Protein backbone atom coordinates (compact mmCIF):
# COMPACT_ATOMS: atom_id res chain seq x y z
CA MET A 1 246.46 -144.92 19.31
CA PRO A 2 244.33 -147.85 19.60
CA GLU A 3 245.05 -150.19 22.88
CA ASN A 4 246.38 -153.32 20.65
CA GLU A 5 248.59 -151.81 18.22
CA SER A 6 252.08 -151.41 19.45
CA PRO A 7 254.69 -148.23 19.12
CA GLU A 8 256.03 -150.74 16.60
CA ILE A 9 253.53 -151.36 14.62
CA VAL A 10 252.02 -147.96 13.92
CA LEU A 11 255.62 -146.79 13.12
CA THR A 12 255.98 -149.61 10.64
CA ALA A 13 252.33 -148.67 9.11
CA LEU A 14 253.35 -145.33 8.74
CA ARG A 15 256.83 -146.14 6.95
CA ALA A 16 255.23 -147.94 4.37
CA GLU A 17 252.33 -145.28 3.80
CA GLN A 18 255.28 -142.93 3.28
CA ALA A 19 257.34 -145.67 0.55
CA ARG A 20 253.87 -146.07 -1.44
CA ILE A 21 253.86 -142.22 -1.13
CA VAL A 22 257.04 -141.71 -3.01
CA LEU A 23 256.50 -144.64 -4.89
CA LEU A 24 253.06 -142.80 -5.98
CA ASP A 25 255.61 -139.35 -6.74
CA GLN A 26 258.18 -141.44 -8.88
CA VAL A 27 255.42 -143.05 -10.91
CA LEU A 28 254.12 -139.39 -11.96
CA SER A 29 257.35 -138.04 -12.38
CA GLN A 30 259.88 -138.05 -14.93
CA ALA A 31 262.17 -140.46 -12.94
CA PRO A 32 263.44 -143.53 -14.82
CA PRO A 33 260.61 -146.27 -15.36
CA GLU A 34 263.15 -149.23 -14.27
CA GLN A 35 263.77 -147.23 -11.19
CA VAL A 36 260.15 -147.16 -11.05
CA MET A 37 259.49 -150.67 -11.45
CA GLU A 38 261.91 -152.04 -8.82
CA HIS A 39 260.75 -149.66 -6.14
CA ALA A 40 257.63 -151.34 -7.07
CA THR A 41 258.47 -154.64 -6.73
CA ASP A 42 260.09 -153.87 -3.41
CA LEU A 43 257.15 -152.58 -2.31
CA GLY A 44 255.43 -155.11 -3.80
CA ILE A 45 253.11 -153.79 -5.83
CA GLU A 46 252.64 -154.95 -9.60
CA LEU A 47 252.98 -151.81 -11.94
CA GLY A 48 253.74 -153.35 -15.15
CA GLY A 49 249.66 -154.28 -16.25
CA ARG A 50 247.45 -152.37 -17.95
CA ARG A 51 246.31 -149.53 -15.21
CA SER A 52 244.28 -146.61 -15.40
CA VAL A 53 244.31 -142.96 -13.44
CA LEU A 54 241.58 -141.92 -11.29
CA VAL A 55 241.95 -137.66 -10.60
CA VAL A 56 239.52 -136.83 -8.26
CA GLY A 57 239.04 -132.80 -7.45
CA THR A 58 237.62 -133.13 -4.18
CA VAL A 59 240.37 -134.05 -1.23
CA SER A 60 238.82 -135.65 1.44
CA THR A 61 239.89 -138.41 4.38
CA ALA A 62 236.18 -140.25 3.22
CA VAL A 63 237.55 -140.47 -0.69
CA LEU A 64 240.94 -141.22 0.08
CA GLU A 65 240.16 -144.37 2.44
CA ARG A 66 237.34 -145.15 -0.15
CA LEU A 67 240.32 -145.17 -2.88
CA ARG A 68 242.60 -147.06 -0.30
CA ASP A 69 240.47 -149.90 -0.78
CA VAL A 70 240.32 -150.44 -4.40
CA ALA A 71 243.38 -148.36 -5.57
CA LEU A 72 246.94 -150.13 -6.73
CA LEU A 73 248.22 -146.60 -5.04
CA VAL A 74 246.18 -143.63 -3.75
CA GLY A 75 247.52 -139.45 -2.54
CA VAL A 76 247.16 -136.44 -2.68
CA ARG A 77 248.59 -134.52 -5.37
CA SER A 78 248.02 -130.90 -6.28
CA GLY A 79 245.18 -130.75 -4.58
CA THR A 80 243.74 -133.37 -6.23
CA ILE A 81 243.37 -137.05 -5.00
CA VAL A 82 245.28 -139.62 -7.53
CA ALA A 83 244.82 -143.47 -7.62
CA ILE A 84 246.16 -145.74 -9.75
CA VAL A 85 243.71 -148.45 -10.16
CA SER A 86 243.53 -151.42 -11.92
CA GLY A 87 240.27 -153.35 -13.70
CA ARG A 88 236.73 -151.91 -12.24
CA VAL A 89 236.91 -147.89 -11.18
CA PRO A 90 235.23 -147.33 -8.17
CA ARG A 91 231.94 -144.65 -8.25
CA GLY A 92 231.51 -141.82 -6.33
CA ALA A 93 229.36 -138.80 -6.39
CA GLU A 94 232.78 -136.70 -6.41
CA THR A 95 234.04 -135.07 -9.97
CA ALA A 96 236.59 -137.28 -10.88
CA GLY A 97 238.70 -138.13 -14.43
CA LEU A 98 239.28 -140.84 -15.83
CA GLY A 99 242.39 -141.71 -17.85
CA ARG A 100 242.21 -144.53 -20.72
CA PRO A 101 244.72 -147.80 -19.45
CA GLY A 102 247.91 -147.61 -20.03
CA LEU A 103 251.18 -150.40 -19.64
CA GLY A 104 253.46 -149.99 -17.29
CA VAL A 105 254.78 -146.67 -15.90
CA SER A 106 254.75 -144.91 -19.12
CA GLY A 107 251.27 -145.66 -19.56
CA ILE A 108 249.87 -144.50 -16.22
CA ARG A 109 251.83 -141.14 -16.88
CA THR A 110 249.77 -141.11 -20.05
CA SER A 111 246.76 -142.11 -18.10
CA PHE A 112 247.32 -139.28 -15.73
CA GLY A 113 247.74 -136.34 -18.09
CA GLU A 114 244.15 -137.55 -19.28
CA ALA A 115 242.56 -137.62 -16.40
CA LYS A 116 244.10 -134.34 -15.36
CA ARG A 117 242.54 -133.00 -18.65
CA ALA A 118 238.91 -134.71 -18.26
CA LEU A 119 238.87 -133.84 -14.75
CA GLU A 120 239.31 -129.74 -16.02
CA VAL A 121 236.33 -130.40 -18.89
CA ALA A 122 234.53 -132.22 -16.09
CA SER A 123 234.78 -129.36 -13.64
CA ARG A 124 234.22 -126.72 -16.49
CA LEU A 125 230.38 -128.47 -17.88
CA ARG A 126 230.09 -129.21 -14.36
CA LEU A 127 230.04 -133.19 -14.60
CA ARG A 128 229.51 -135.17 -11.46
CA GLY A 129 230.97 -138.17 -10.75
CA VAL A 130 233.90 -140.16 -13.12
CA VAL A 131 234.48 -138.90 -16.21
CA PRO A 132 236.20 -140.83 -18.80
CA PHE A 133 238.78 -139.34 -21.05
CA ALA A 134 237.39 -140.53 -24.17
CA ASP A 135 233.89 -139.33 -23.40
CA VAL A 136 235.32 -135.65 -23.42
CA LEU A 137 237.43 -135.63 -26.26
CA PRO A 138 235.71 -133.25 -27.94
CA GLU A 139 234.88 -131.41 -24.90
CA ALA A 140 239.08 -131.01 -24.45
CA LEU A 141 239.27 -129.62 -28.23
CA ILE A 142 237.00 -127.02 -27.94
CA GLY A 143 238.74 -126.25 -24.84
CA GLN A 144 241.57 -125.76 -27.17
CA ASP A 145 243.32 -128.25 -25.69
CA ARG A 146 246.72 -128.53 -28.81
CA GLU A 147 247.20 -131.96 -27.83
CA THR A 148 244.09 -133.34 -27.79
CA LEU A 149 243.56 -131.92 -31.00
CA ARG A 150 246.82 -133.36 -32.29
CA GLU A 151 245.67 -137.02 -31.07
CA LEU A 152 241.92 -136.75 -32.28
CA VAL A 153 243.53 -135.92 -36.00
CA GLU A 154 245.46 -138.18 -35.81
CA LEU A 155 243.10 -141.51 -34.47
CA THR A 156 240.50 -139.97 -37.14
CA LEU A 157 242.44 -138.88 -40.21
CA GLU A 158 245.39 -141.51 -40.35
CA PRO A 159 243.23 -144.53 -41.80
CA LEU A 160 241.61 -141.85 -44.25
CA ARG A 161 245.07 -140.53 -45.18
CA ALA A 162 246.22 -144.21 -46.07
CA ILE A 163 243.47 -145.21 -48.38
CA ALA A 164 243.67 -141.50 -50.13
CA ARG A 165 247.00 -142.56 -51.10
CA VAL A 166 245.76 -145.11 -53.49
CA ASP A 167 244.41 -145.29 -56.47
CA PRO A 168 240.83 -146.74 -56.42
CA THR A 169 240.92 -148.13 -59.95
CA THR A 170 244.02 -150.09 -59.40
CA SER A 171 244.54 -150.47 -55.60
CA LYS A 172 248.23 -149.07 -56.28
CA PRO A 173 249.89 -146.44 -54.28
CA LEU A 174 249.60 -142.58 -56.52
CA ALA A 175 252.51 -140.83 -57.24
CA PRO A 176 253.77 -138.12 -54.97
CA GLY A 177 251.92 -135.06 -56.04
CA CYS A 178 249.54 -137.18 -58.24
CA LYS A 179 245.66 -135.73 -57.77
CA ARG A 180 243.29 -138.22 -58.17
C-alpha cells in the first residue's frame, strides 16, 4: 500500500470495486432489469443508453487496466474479460468479440451473447484484434449456430416475404394459398 493512502481509503476503494463486480454479474445474469438499473444508479453508473459488450479471450492485468480506463464496467467472467462500453471501443492485439450496441439491460445482455459468439468464431478462425459480431455472422452460421441462422434468415428474408404477399400488378395483398 502506498504511503499516502490510509487503510480506510484502500478499503473504500475495494468495496467500490466489489460493488461494480456484483453489478456486472447482475447485468449479465437473469436479475430483474429494474433491480439492476437501481443498483447501477446507486453506484453512479448509467446503463440506460446504447451499450456494447466486449469479451476478450485473454485475461491479463494489462488488459483489465486498459479497459477499466474506458469501460463502464469490466471484470473477469468464465475465463474471459467482459467490458460494457459506450461509444468508441478500445483496440488491442488480443482477440476479442464485440456485440452490437443494445439499449438498456436487455440490450446489454443481447450484446454479451453476440460478443461471446463473435469471440468463439474469431478463435476458431484465428482472427486477432476486436471482431464485431456483424462481421462474423456468416461464419457463425457455418458453425451451426441455430439462433444466429434464425436471426439472419429473419433479417434477410422478412422484407422479401412482405413483398411476395402482394400482387405486383394491383399492389393488393394476395389471397391465402394464391400463387402468382
